[in-house]
Amino acid sequence: MQQNNEGFKSGFISIIGRPNVGKSTFLNRVIGQKIAIMSDKPQTTRNKVQGVLTLEKSQMIFIDTPGIHIPKHKLGDFMLKVAKNTLREVDVIIFMVNATEPRGKIDELIMDMLENNETPVFLVINKIDQVHPDELINIINSYKNKYDFAEIIPISALQGNNVDRLLETIQKYLPEGPQYYPADQVTDHPERFIISELIREKVLHLTREEIPHSIAVIIDKIKKEEDTEKDMIRVMATIVVERDSQKGIVIGKKGALLKEVGIRARQDIEMLLGTKVFLELWVKVQKDWRNKSAQLRDYGFRDDEY
């Protein structure tokens, strides 16, 4: 750990915003690889995901929070609590909004949450590649009239427009401090967590609206196969759903959908681990798990950690 590097800056940056504004896309763009899953469905991110970017003279630890929304179950309460709590422990807050959507009730709620917060708040307007440049001034004014932002920066996380400028600006607000993580570390989450998220992402992509957020993925075992000719890692995972009908959808006709989930997830897991992977998937029904505290804890949603 680097403790006394004069002029070295480090700090924590929270990314907050309503669902589907592109927070995970931004985090993956900054880190340079996928550590947060992406989906066009709201509330895809459930736990806070930390991404670490180490440059020559700074280290930025980004926290991608669950999208702010009105909770409808205990899982939703957990997600909202995680997002709120990160605001107390960071050096910069990025309030990310979608340039293609007008300011709404959730944006108002977030700005009210930020009121009297002494941490610098950046308004980051994402998806500017999808709007005409002339529209930007009206978007900026609609937020500027409500809150006194330290910085206002329009970006496209998908295409990378203005992302470097945002990073340069963030560095100006960071205090001098230690290098918290090794230079080659990109996240503080263990591989098991990222593997489970990659599998969950594929289920979200392939099931569309039929299985919104009633799934969890549990990694049962990760084992190195030493008796094979080539290095291979065996991953065994269970996809948990809430109803029998959902189990049928996830498995698909003659197991076709589950097989496709496995093929797509295995490709991402192999990129993550840098080795061949044998992935085994099962599907299990746990009725109404999102409203059961014990099951939420078993599946990794522990609110006592925040």
C-alpha atoms as a PDB file:
ATOM      1  CA  MET A   1       0.000   0.000   0.000  1.00  0.00           C
ATOM      2  CA  GLN A   2       1.296   3.432  -0.940  1.00  0.00           C
ATOM      3  CA  GLN A   3       1.204   5.686   2.105  1.00  0.00           C
ATOM      4  CA  ASN A   4       3.565   8.633   1.667  1.00  0.00           C
ATOM      5  CA  ASN A   5       3.585   9.502  -2.018  1.00  0.00           C
ATOM      6  CA  GLU A   6       3.634  13.297  -1.975  1.00  0.00           C
ATOM      7  CA  GLY A   7       1.000  14.832  -4.212  1.00  0.00           C
ATOM      8  CA  PHE A   8      -0.859  11.521  -4.658  1.00  0.00           C
ATOM      9  CA  LYS A   9      -4.631  11.958  -4.489  1.00  0.00           C
ATOM     10  CA  SER A  10      -7.203   9.328  -3.624  1.00  0.00           C
ATOM     11  CA  GLY A  11     -10.851   9.215  -2.755  1.00  0.00           C
ATOM     12  CA  PHE A  12     -14.270   7.644  -3.089  1.00  0.00           C
ATOM     13  CA  ILE A  13     -16.869   8.703  -5.647  1.00  0.00           C
ATOM     14  CA  SER A  14     -20.514   7.639  -5.387  1.00  0.00           C
ATOM     15  CA  ILE A  15     -22.570   7.320  -8.573  1.00  0.00           C
ATOM     16  CA  ILE A  16     -26.222   7.937  -7.785  1.00  0.00           C
ATOM     17  CA  GLY A  17     -29.296   8.343  -9.963  1.00  0.00           C
ATOM     18  CA  ARG A  18     -32.601   6.831 -10.885  1.00  0.00           C
ATOM     19  CA  PRO A  19     -32.661   3.411 -12.576  1.00  0.00           C
ATOM     20  CA  ASN A  20     -31.409   2.989 -16.127  1.00  0.00           C
ATOM     21  CA  VAL A  21     -29.429   6.237 -16.473  1.00  0.00           C
ATOM     22  CA  GLY A  22     -26.218   4.384 -17.350  1.00  0.00           C
ATOM     23  CA  LYS A  23     -24.342   4.178 -14.041  1.00  0.00           C
ATOM     24  CA  SER A  24     -23.017   0.655 -14.656  1.00  0.00           C
ATOM     25  CA  THR A  25     -22.115   1.480 -18.259  1.00  0.00           C
ATOM     26  CA  PHE A  26     -20.102   4.448 -16.996  1.00  0.00           C
ATOM     27  CA  LEU A  27     -18.328   2.359 -14.346  1.00  0.00           C
ATOM     28  CA  ASN A  28     -17.381  -0.339 -16.844  1.00  0.00           C
ATOM     29  CA  ARG A  29     -16.144   2.336 -19.281  1.00  0.00           C
ATOM     30  CA  VAL A  30     -13.923   3.937 -16.626  1.00  0.00           C
ATOM     31  CA  ILE A  31     -12.494   0.660 -15.324  1.00  0.00           C
ATOM     32  CA  GLY A  32     -12.007  -0.762 -18.818  1.00  0.00           C
ATOM     33  CA  GLN A  33     -13.727  -4.086 -18.192  1.00  0.00           C
ATOM     34  CA  LYS A  34     -17.077  -5.410 -17.052  1.00  0.00           C
ATOM     35  CA  ILE A  35     -17.456  -5.458 -13.270  1.00  0.00           C
ATOM     36  CA  ALA A  36     -21.059  -4.187 -13.120  1.00  0.00           C
ATOM     37  CA  ILE A  37     -23.823  -5.873 -15.085  1.00  0.00           C
ATOM     38  CA  MET A  38     -25.762  -3.887 -17.643  1.00  0.00           C
ATOM     39  CA  SER A  39     -29.410  -4.226 -18.570  1.00  0.00           C
ATOM     40  CA  ASP A  40     -32.137  -2.008 -19.966  1.00  0.00           C
ATOM     41  CA  LYS A  41     -34.304  -3.029 -17.003  1.00  0.00           C
ATOM     42  CA  PRO A  42     -34.428  -0.702 -13.988  1.00  0.00           C
ATOM     43  CA  GLN A  43     -32.776  -1.619 -10.669  1.00  0.00           C
ATOM     44  CA  THR A  44     -30.305  -4.046 -12.221  1.00  0.00           C
ATOM     45  CA  THR A  45     -27.594  -3.183  -9.664  1.00  0.00           C
ATOM     46  CA  ARG A  46     -28.502  -4.553  -6.223  1.00  0.00           C
ATOM     47  CA  ASN A  47     -25.334  -4.197  -4.154  1.00  0.00           C
ATOM     48  CA  LYS A  48     -22.896  -1.308  -4.244  1.00  0.00           C
ATOM     49  CA  VAL A  49     -20.168  -2.240  -6.702  1.00  0.00           C
ATOM     50  CA  GLN A  50     -16.752  -0.656  -6.187  1.00  0.00           C
ATOM     51  CA  GLY A  51     -14.540  -0.043  -9.209  1.00  0.00           C
ATOM     52  CA  VAL A  52     -10.944   1.084  -8.757  1.00  0.00           C
ATOM     53  CA  LEU A  53      -9.130   3.304 -11.259  1.00  0.00           C
ATOM     54  CA  THR A  54      -5.441   3.896 -10.520  1.00  0.00           C
ATOM     55  CA  LEU A  55      -3.568   6.549 -12.461  1.00  0.00           C
ATOM     56  CA  GLU A  56      -0.032   7.865 -12.046  1.00  0.00           C
ATOM     57  CA  LYS A  57      -0.937  10.469  -9.445  1.00  0.00           C
ATOM     58  CA  SER A  58      -4.353   9.392  -8.219  1.00  0.00           C
ATOM     59  CA  GLN A  59      -6.621   6.522  -7.300  1.00  0.00           C
ATOM     60  CA  MET A  60     -10.393   6.868  -7.714  1.00  0.00           C
ATOM     61  CA  ILE A  61     -12.704   4.343  -6.074  1.00  0.00           C
ATOM     62  CA  PHE A  62     -16.129   4.518  -7.735  1.00  0.00           C
ATOM     63  CA  ILE A  63     -19.211   3.155  -6.015  1.00  0.00           C
ATOM     64  CA  ASP A  64     -22.042   2.188  -8.380  1.00  0.00           C
ATOM     65  CA  THR A  65     -25.225   2.250  -6.313  1.00  0.00           C
ATOM     66  CA  PRO A  66     -28.637   0.676  -6.935  1.00  0.00           C
ATOM     67  CA  GLY A  67     -30.963   3.013  -8.821  1.00  0.00           C
ATOM     68  CA  ILE A  68     -33.081   5.217  -6.540  1.00  0.00           C
ATOM     69  CA  HIS A  69     -36.721   4.116  -6.729  1.00  0.00           C
ATOM     70  CA  ILE A  70     -39.836   3.658  -4.586  1.00  0.00           C
ATOM     71  CA  PRO A  71     -39.354   0.257  -2.852  1.00  0.00           C
ATOM     72  CA  LYS A  72     -42.018  -2.419  -3.351  1.00  0.00           C
ATOM     73  CA  HIS A  73     -40.461  -5.211  -1.261  1.00  0.00           C
ATOM     74  CA  LYS A  74     -37.706  -5.814   1.308  1.00  0.00           C
ATOM     75  CA  LEU A  75     -35.116  -6.192  -1.445  1.00  0.00           C
ATOM     76  CA  GLY A  76     -36.122  -2.724  -2.673  1.00  0.00           C
ATOM     77  CA  ASP A  77     -35.727  -1.341   0.877  1.00  0.00           C
ATOM     78  CA  PHE A  78     -32.244  -2.844   1.008  1.00  0.00           C
ATOM     79  CA  MET A  79     -31.261  -1.334  -2.342  1.00  0.00           C
ATOM     80  CA  LEU A  80     -32.461   2.141  -1.321  1.00  0.00           C
ATOM     81  CA  LYS A  81     -30.617   1.934   2.004  1.00  0.00           C
ATOM     82  CA  VAL A  82     -27.382   0.968   0.227  1.00  0.00           C
ATOM     83  CA  ALA A  83     -27.653   3.927  -2.156  1.00  0.00           C
ATOM     84  CA  LYS A  84     -28.394   6.444   0.640  1.00  0.00           C
ATOM     85  CA  ASN A  85     -25.642   5.216   2.935  1.00  0.00           C
ATOM     86  CA  THR A  86     -22.896   5.644   0.349  1.00  0.00           C
ATOM     87  CA  LEU A  87     -23.538   9.413   0.329  1.00  0.00           C
ATOM     88  CA  ARG A  88     -22.058   9.681   3.843  1.00  0.00           C
ATOM     89  CA  GLU A  89     -18.742   8.027   3.045  1.00  0.00           C
ATOM     90  CA  VAL A  90     -17.493   9.610  -0.179  1.00  0.00           C
ATOM     91  CA  ASP A  91     -15.448  12.601  -1.384  1.00  0.00           C
ATOM     92  CA  VAL A  92     -17.477  13.338  -4.532  1.00  0.00           C
ATOM     93  CA  ILE A  93     -21.061  12.484  -5.513  1.00  0.00           C
ATOM     94  CA  ILE A  94     -21.943  11.989  -9.170  1.00  0.00           C
ATOM     95  CA  PHE A  95     -25.669  12.557  -9.696  1.00  0.00           C
ATOM     96  CA  MET A  96     -26.219  10.958 -13.089  1.00  0.00           C
ATOM     97  CA  VAL A  97     -29.275  11.748 -15.207  1.00  0.00           C
ATOM     98  CA  ASN A  98     -30.457  10.569 -18.605  1.00  0.00           C
ATOM     99  CA  ALA A  99     -30.423  13.303 -21.276  1.00  0.00           C
ATOM    100  CA  THR A 100     -33.303  11.597 -23.095  1.00  0.00           C
ATOM    101  CA  GLU A 101     -35.707  11.767 -20.127  1.00  0.00           C
ATOM    102  CA  PRO A 102     -37.182  14.903 -18.508  1.00  0.00           C
ATOM    103  CA  ARG A 103     -36.540  15.651 -14.847  1.00  0.00           C
ATOM    104  CA  GLY A 104     -38.920  13.497 -12.835  1.00  0.00           C
ATOM    105  CA  LYS A 105     -40.131  12.735  -9.303  1.00  0.00           C
ATOM    106  CA  ILE A 106     -37.210  10.443  -8.513  1.00  0.00           C
ATOM    107  CA  ASP A 107     -34.741  13.139  -9.596  1.00  0.00           C
ATOM    108  CA  GLU A 108     -36.521  15.538  -7.237  1.00  0.00           C
ATOM    109  CA  LEU A 109     -36.269  12.959  -4.445  1.00  0.00           C
ATOM    110  CA  ILE A 110     -32.523  12.562  -5.044  1.00  0.00           C
ATOM    111  CA  MET A 111     -31.887  16.304  -5.037  1.00  0.00           C
ATOM    112  CA  ASP A 112     -33.877  16.604  -1.807  1.00  0.00           C
ATOM    113  CA  MET A 113     -31.709  13.804  -0.329  1.00  0.00           C
ATOM    114  CA  LEU A 114     -28.602  15.776  -1.333  1.00  0.00           C
ATOM    115  CA  GLU A 115     -29.831  18.997   0.292  1.00  0.00           C
ATOM    116  CA  ASN A 116     -27.465  20.223   3.051  1.00  0.00           C
ATOM    117  CA  ASN A 117     -24.881  17.642   1.959  1.00  0.00           C
ATOM    118  CA  GLU A 118     -21.402  19.158   2.201  1.00  0.00           C
ATOM    119  CA  THR A 119     -19.877  16.716  -0.304  1.00  0.00           C
ATOM    120  CA  PRO A 120     -19.345  18.229  -3.794  1.00  0.00           C
ATOM    121  CA  VAL A 121     -22.110  17.045  -6.133  1.00  0.00           C
ATOM    122  CA  PHE A 122     -21.511  16.765  -9.899  1.00  0.00           C
ATOM    123  CA  LEU A 123     -24.460  16.744 -12.250  1.00  0.00           C
ATOM    124  CA  VAL A 124     -23.431  14.289 -14.983  1.00  0.00           C
ATOM    125  CA  ILE A 125     -25.823  14.277 -17.939  1.00  0.00           C
ATOM    126  CA  ASN A 126     -25.402  10.911 -19.678  1.00  0.00           C
ATOM    127  CA  LYS A 127     -26.516   9.691 -23.132  1.00  0.00           C
ATOM    128  CA  ILE A 128     -25.790  13.027 -24.843  1.00  0.00           C
ATOM    129  CA  ASP A 129     -25.159  11.029 -28.036  1.00  0.00           C
ATOM    130  CA  GLN A 130     -28.938  10.481 -28.175  1.00  0.00           C
ATOM    131  CA  VAL A 131     -30.017  14.155 -28.097  1.00  0.00           C
ATOM    132  CA  HIS A 132     -29.376  17.213 -30.259  1.00  0.00           C
ATOM    133  CA  PRO A 133     -26.660  19.497 -28.773  1.00  0.00           C
ATOM    134  CA  ASP A 134     -29.137  22.424 -28.762  1.00  0.00           C
ATOM    135  CA  GLU A 135     -31.292  20.534 -26.226  1.00  0.00           C
ATOM    136  CA  LEU A 136     -28.486  20.374 -23.664  1.00  0.00           C
ATOM    137  CA  ILE A 137     -28.827  23.932 -22.376  1.00  0.00           C
ATOM    138  CA  ASN A 138     -32.495  23.354 -21.468  1.00  0.00           C
ATOM    139  CA  ILE A 139     -31.628  20.085 -19.709  1.00  0.00           C
ATOM    140  CA  ILE A 140     -28.835  21.793 -17.743  1.00  0.00           C
ATOM    141  CA  ASN A 141     -31.087  24.696 -16.729  1.00  0.00           C
ATOM    142  CA  SER A 142     -33.886  22.402 -15.549  1.00  0.00           C
ATOM    143  CA  TYR A 143     -31.540  20.878 -12.937  1.00  0.00           C
ATOM    144  CA  LYS A 144     -29.420  23.956 -12.245  1.00  0.00           C
ATOM    145  CA  ASN A 145     -32.515  25.874 -11.124  1.00  0.00           C
ATOM    146  CA  LYS A 146     -33.190  23.266  -8.433  1.00  0.00           C
ATOM    147  CA  TYR A 147     -29.711  22.535  -7.034  1.00  0.00           C
ATOM    148  CA  ASP A 148     -26.337  24.287  -6.802  1.00  0.00           C
ATOM    149  CA  PHE A 149     -24.002  21.706  -8.369  1.00  0.00           C
ATOM    150  CA  ALA A 150     -20.220  21.920  -7.957  1.00  0.00           C
ATOM    151  CA  GLU A 151     -19.800  20.861 -11.609  1.00  0.00           C
ATOM    152  CA  ILE A 152     -22.089  20.084 -14.555  1.00  0.00           C
ATOM    153  CA  ILE A 153     -20.592  17.741 -17.153  1.00  0.00           C
ATOM    154  CA  PRO A 154     -22.435  16.146 -20.113  1.00  0.00           C
ATOM    155  CA  ILE A 155     -21.072  12.732 -21.223  1.00  0.00           C
ATOM    156  CA  SER A 156     -21.804   9.631 -23.239  1.00  0.00           C
ATOM    157  CA  ALA A 157     -20.716   6.642 -21.142  1.00  0.00           C
ATOM    158  CA  LEU A 158     -21.434   4.301 -24.053  1.00  0.00           C
ATOM    159  CA  GLN A 159     -19.273   6.163 -26.578  1.00  0.00           C
ATOM    160  CA  GLY A 160     -16.805   7.664 -24.093  1.00  0.00           C
ATOM    161  CA  ASN A 161     -17.533  11.314 -24.985  1.00  0.00           C
ATOM    162  CA  ASN A 162     -16.240  13.724 -22.300  1.00  0.00           C
ATOM    163  CA  VAL A 163     -15.471  10.895 -19.837  1.00  0.00           C
ATOM    164  CA  ASP A 164     -11.790  11.890 -19.640  1.00  0.00           C
ATOM    165  CA  ARG A 165     -12.785  15.472 -18.811  1.00  0.00           C
ATOM    166  CA  LEU A 166     -15.039  14.193 -16.030  1.00  0.00           C
ATOM    167  CA  LEU A 167     -12.188  12.120 -14.568  1.00  0.00           C
ATOM    168  CA  GLU A 168      -9.796  15.083 -14.697  1.00  0.00           C
ATOM    169  CA  THR A 169     -12.355  17.257 -12.902  1.00  0.00           C
ATOM    170  CA  ILE A 170     -12.998  14.647 -10.200  1.00  0.00           C
ATOM    171  CA  GLN A 171      -9.260  14.479  -9.440  1.00  0.00           C
ATOM    172  CA  LYS A 172      -9.236  18.205  -8.620  1.00  0.00           C
ATOM    173  CA  TYR A 173     -11.722  17.590  -5.792  1.00  0.00           C
ATOM    174  CA  LEU A 174      -9.941  14.614  -4.216  1.00  0.00           C
ATOM    175  CA  PRO A 175      -7.769  15.036  -1.104  1.00  0.00           C
ATOM    176  CA  GLU A 176      -4.172  13.885  -0.919  1.00  0.00           C
ATOM    177  CA  GLY A 177      -4.190  10.351   0.410  1.00  0.00           C
ATOM    178  CA  PRO A 178      -2.885   6.801   0.223  1.00  0.00           C
ATOM    179  CA  GLN A 179      -3.214   4.275  -2.552  1.00  0.00           C
ATOM    180  CA  TYR A 180      -5.905   2.065  -1.035  1.00  0.00           C
ATOM    181  CA  TYR A 181      -5.668  -0.771  -3.561  1.00  0.00           C
ATOM    182  CA  PRO A 182      -2.863  -2.293  -5.680  1.00  0.00           C
ATOM    183  CA  ALA A 183      -2.532  -0.614  -9.079  1.00  0.00           C
ATOM    184  CA  ASP A 184      -3.775  -3.682 -10.973  1.00  0.00           C
ATOM    185  CA  GLN A 185      -6.905  -4.217  -8.836  1.00  0.00           C
ATOM    186  CA  VAL A 186     -10.120  -3.052 -10.498  1.00  0.00           C
ATOM    187  CA  THR A 187     -12.747  -4.009  -7.906  1.00  0.00           C
ATOM    188  CA  ASP A 188     -13.072  -4.951  -4.250  1.00  0.00           C
ATOM    189  CA  HIS A 189     -15.686  -7.603  -4.966  1.00  0.00           C
ATOM    190  CA  PRO A 190     -14.587 -11.243  -4.950  1.00  0.00           C
ATOM    191  CA  GLU A 191     -14.718 -13.245  -8.170  1.00  0.00           C
ATOM    192  CA  ARG A 192     -17.710 -15.246  -6.885  1.00  0.00           C
ATOM    193  CA  PHE A 193     -19.823 -12.084  -6.742  1.00  0.00           C
ATOM    194  CA  ILE A 194     -18.897 -10.963 -10.256  1.00  0.00           C
ATOM    195  CA  ILE A 195     -19.479 -14.460 -11.676  1.00  0.00           C
ATOM    196  CA  SER A 196     -22.958 -14.576 -10.112  1.00  0.00           C
ATOM    197  CA  GLU A 197     -23.721 -11.125 -11.545  1.00  0.00           C
ATOM    198  CA  LEU A 198     -22.587 -12.152 -15.043  1.00  0.00           C
ATOM    199  CA  ILE A 199     -24.957 -15.142 -14.937  1.00  0.00           C
ATOM    200  CA  ARG A 200     -27.808 -12.960 -13.655  1.00  0.00           C
ATOM    201  CA  GLU A 201     -27.185 -10.458 -16.459  1.00  0.00           C
ATOM    202  CA  LYS A 202     -27.657 -13.182 -19.098  1.00  0.00           C
ATOM    203  CA  VAL A 203     -30.948 -14.288 -17.535  1.00  0.00           C
ATOM    204  CA  LEU A 204     -32.172 -10.663 -17.565  1.00  0.00           C
ATOM    205  CA  HIS A 205     -31.187 -10.259 -21.220  1.00  0.00           C
ATOM    206  CA  LEU A 206     -32.763 -13.499 -22.417  1.00  0.00           C
ATOM    207  CA  THR A 207     -36.006 -13.501 -20.425  1.00  0.00           C
ATOM    208  CA  ARG A 208     -36.871  -9.833 -21.018  1.00  0.00           C
ATOM    209  CA  GLU A 209     -40.053  -8.781 -19.203  1.00  0.00           C
ATOM    210  CA  GLU A 210     -41.064 -12.292 -18.147  1.00  0.00           C
ATOM    211  CA  ILE A 211     -38.588 -12.521 -15.259  1.00  0.00           C
ATOM    212  CA  PRO A 212     -38.026  -8.942 -14.105  1.00  0.00           C
ATOM    213  CA  HIS A 213     -36.068  -9.016 -10.849  1.00  0.00           C
ATOM    214  CA  SER A 214     -37.337 -12.116  -9.129  1.00  0.00           C
ATOM    215  CA  ILE A 215     -34.077 -13.986  -9.678  1.00  0.00           C
ATOM    216  CA  ALA A 216     -30.933 -14.400  -7.607  1.00  0.00           C
ATOM    217  CA  VAL A 217     -27.831 -16.376  -8.538  1.00  0.00           C
ATOM    218  CA  ILE A 218     -25.939 -18.397  -5.929  1.00  0.00           C
ATOM    219  CA  ILE A 219     -22.453 -19.720  -6.653  1.00  0.00           C
ATOM    220  CA  ASP A 220     -22.406 -23.192  -5.093  1.00  0.00           C
ATOM    221  CA  LYS A 221     -18.812 -24.099  -5.915  1.00  0.00           C
ATOM    222  CA  ILE A 222     -15.770 -22.929  -7.863  1.00  0.00           C
ATOM    223  CA  LYS A 223     -13.254 -25.718  -8.302  1.00  0.00           C
ATOM    224  CA  LYS A 224     -10.052 -26.031 -10.320  1.00  0.00           C
ATOM    225  CA  GLU A 225     -10.008 -29.226 -12.381  1.00  0.00           C
ATOM    226  CA  GLU A 226      -6.472 -30.594 -12.047  1.00  0.00           C
ATOM    227  CA  ASP A 227      -6.975 -33.944 -13.752  1.00  0.00           C
ATOM    228  CA  THR A 228      -7.649 -32.467 -17.205  1.00  0.00           C
ATOM    229  CA  GLU A 229      -5.102 -31.897 -19.979  1.00  0.00           C
ATOM    230  CA  LYS A 230      -5.659 -28.130 -19.861  1.00  0.00           C
ATOM    231  CA  ASP A 231      -6.335 -25.824 -16.931  1.00  0.00           C
ATOM    232  CA  MET A 232     -10.081 -25.570 -16.383  1.00  0.00           C
ATOM    233  CA  ILE A 233     -12.290 -24.161 -13.651  1.00  0.00           C
ATOM    234  CA  ARG A 234     -15.638 -25.768 -12.856  1.00  0.00           C
ATOM    235  CA  VAL A 235     -18.319 -23.319 -11.721  1.00  0.00           C
ATOM    236  CA  MET A 236     -21.551 -24.641 -10.229  1.00  0.00           C
ATOM    237  CA  ALA A 237     -24.357 -22.125  -9.736  1.00  0.00           C
ATOM    238  CA  THR A 238     -28.065 -22.069  -8.855  1.00  0.00           C
ATOM    239  CA  ILE A 239     -30.530 -19.596 -10.343  1.00  0.00           C
ATOM    240  CA  VAL A 240     -33.248 -18.880  -7.758  1.00  0.00           C
ATOM    241  CA  VAL A 241     -36.731 -17.797  -8.861  1.00  0.00           C
ATOM    242  CA  GLU A 242     -39.935 -17.099  -6.938  1.00  0.00           C
ATOM    243  CA  ARG A 243     -42.528 -19.182  -8.802  1.00  0.00           C
ATOM    244  CA  ASP A 244     -42.767 -22.545 -10.589  1.00  0.00           C
ATOM    245  CA  SER A 245     -43.871 -20.788 -13.778  1.00  0.00           C
ATOM    246  CA  GLN A 246     -40.661 -18.717 -13.707  1.00  0.00           C
ATOM    247  CA  LYS A 247     -38.579 -21.854 -13.375  1.00  0.00           C
ATOM    248  CA  GLY A 248     -40.112 -23.144 -16.603  1.00  0.00           C
ATOM    249  CA  ILE A 249     -39.349 -19.872 -18.384  1.00  0.00           C
ATOM    250  CA  VAL A 250     -35.703 -19.814 -17.238  1.00  0.00           C
ATOM    251  CA  ILE A 251     -35.155 -23.431 -18.294  1.00  0.00           C
ATOM    252  CA  GLY A 252     -36.982 -22.933 -21.608  1.00  0.00           C
ATOM    253  CA  LYS A 253     -38.270 -25.495 -24.064  1.00  0.00           C
ATOM    254  CA  LYS A 254     -36.124 -28.624 -23.790  1.00  0.00           C
ATOM    255  CA  GLY A 255     -33.654 -26.607 -21.699  1.00  0.00           C
ATOM    256  CA  ALA A 256     -32.828 -24.255 -24.582  1.00  0.00           C
ATOM    257  CA  LEU A 257     -32.910 -20.955 -22.688  1.00  0.00           C
ATOM    258  CA  LEU A 258     -30.852 -22.221 -19.748  1.00  0.00           C
ATOM    259  CA  LYS A 259     -28.307 -23.608 -22.205  1.00  0.00           C
ATOM    260  CA  GLU A 260     -28.026 -20.203 -23.916  1.00  0.00           C
ATOM    261  CA  VAL A 261     -27.606 -18.481 -20.513  1.00  0.00           C
ATOM    262  CA  GLY A 262     -24.750 -20.893 -19.822  1.00  0.00           C
ATOM    263  CA  ILE A 263     -23.042 -20.307 -23.178  1.00  0.00           C
ATOM    264  CA  ARG A 264     -23.130 -16.509 -22.875  1.00  0.00           C
ATOM    265  CA  ALA A 265     -22.188 -16.417 -19.185  1.00  0.00           C
ATOM    266  CA  ARG A 266     -19.303 -18.866 -19.707  1.00  0.00           C
ATOM    267  CA  GLN A 267     -17.761 -16.570 -22.328  1.00  0.00           C
ATOM    268  CA  ASP A 268     -17.729 -13.609 -19.911  1.00  0.00           C
ATOM    269  CA  ILE A 269     -16.497 -15.754 -17.000  1.00  0.00           C
ATOM    270  CA  GLU A 270     -13.623 -17.071 -19.126  1.00  0.00           C
ATOM    271  CA  MET A 271     -12.640 -13.482 -19.947  1.00  0.00           C
ATOM    272  CA  LEU A 272     -12.778 -12.622 -16.244  1.00  0.00           C
ATOM    273  CA  LEU A 273     -10.742 -15.633 -15.066  1.00  0.00           C
ATOM    274  CA  GLY A 274      -8.448 -15.941 -18.097  1.00  0.00           C
ATOM    275  CA  THR A 275      -8.961 -19.698 -18.361  1.00  0.00           C
ATOM    276  CA  LYS A 276     -11.374 -22.309 -19.705  1.00  0.00           C
ATOM    277  CA  VAL A 277     -14.551 -22.683 -17.667  1.00  0.00           C
ATOM    278  CA  PHE A 278     -17.045 -25.527 -17.333  1.00  0.00           C
ATOM    279  CA  LEU A 279     -20.310 -23.961 -16.106  1.00  0.00           C
ATOM    280  CA  GLU A 280     -23.126 -26.004 -14.554  1.00  0.00           C
ATOM    281  CA  LEU A 281     -26.442 -24.279 -13.887  1.00  0.00           C
ATOM    282  CA  TRP A 282     -29.503 -25.371 -11.910  1.00  0.00           C
ATOM    283  CA  VAL A 283     -32.815 -23.577 -11.292  1.00  0.00           C
ATOM    284  CA  LYS A 284     -34.567 -23.623  -7.896  1.00  0.00           C
ATOM    285  CA  VAL A 285     -37.852 -22.123  -6.638  1.00  0.00           C
ATOM    286  CA  GLN A 286     -37.829 -20.134  -3.374  1.00  0.00           C
ATOM    287  CA  LYS A 287     -41.275 -18.587  -3.065  1.00  0.00           C
ATOM    288  CA  ASP A 288     -41.359 -14.810  -2.387  1.00  0.00           C
ATOM    289  CA  TRP A 289     -37.638 -14.706  -1.457  1.00  0.00           C
ATOM    290  CA  ARG A 290     -37.403 -10.936  -2.016  1.00  0.00           C
ATOM    291  CA  ASN A 291     -39.633 -10.338   1.025  1.00  0.00           C
ATOM    292  CA  LYS A 292     -37.882 -12.771   3.394  1.00  0.00           C
ATOM    293  CA  SER A 293     -35.065 -11.340   5.488  1.00  0.00           C
ATOM    294  CA  ALA A 294     -33.368 -14.702   6.068  1.00  0.00           C
ATOM    295  CA  GLN A 295     -33.257 -15.484   2.364  1.00  0.00           C
ATOM    296  CA  LEU A 296     -32.011 -11.985   1.503  1.00  0.00           C
ATOM    297  CA  ARG A 297     -29.124 -12.502   3.929  1.00  0.00           C
ATOM    298  CA  ASP A 298     -28.400 -15.959   2.505  1.00  0.00           C
ATOM    299  CA  TYR A 299     -28.222 -14.461  -0.995  1.00  0.00           C
ATOM    300  CA  GLY A 300     -25.750 -11.768   0.025  1.00  0.00           C
ATOM    301  CA  PHE A 301     -28.020  -8.791   0.763  1.00  0.00           C
ATOM    302  CA  ARG A 302     -26.778  -7.950   4.254  1.00  0.00           C
ATOM    303  CA  ASP A 303     -27.968  -4.529   5.390  1.00  0.00           C
ATOM    304  CA  ASP A 304     -25.888  -4.742   8.583  1.00  0.00           C
ATOM    305  CA  GLU A 305     -22.802  -4.157   6.427  1.00  0.00           C
ATOM    306  CA  TYR A 306     -23.920  -0.655   5.364  1.00  0.00           C
END
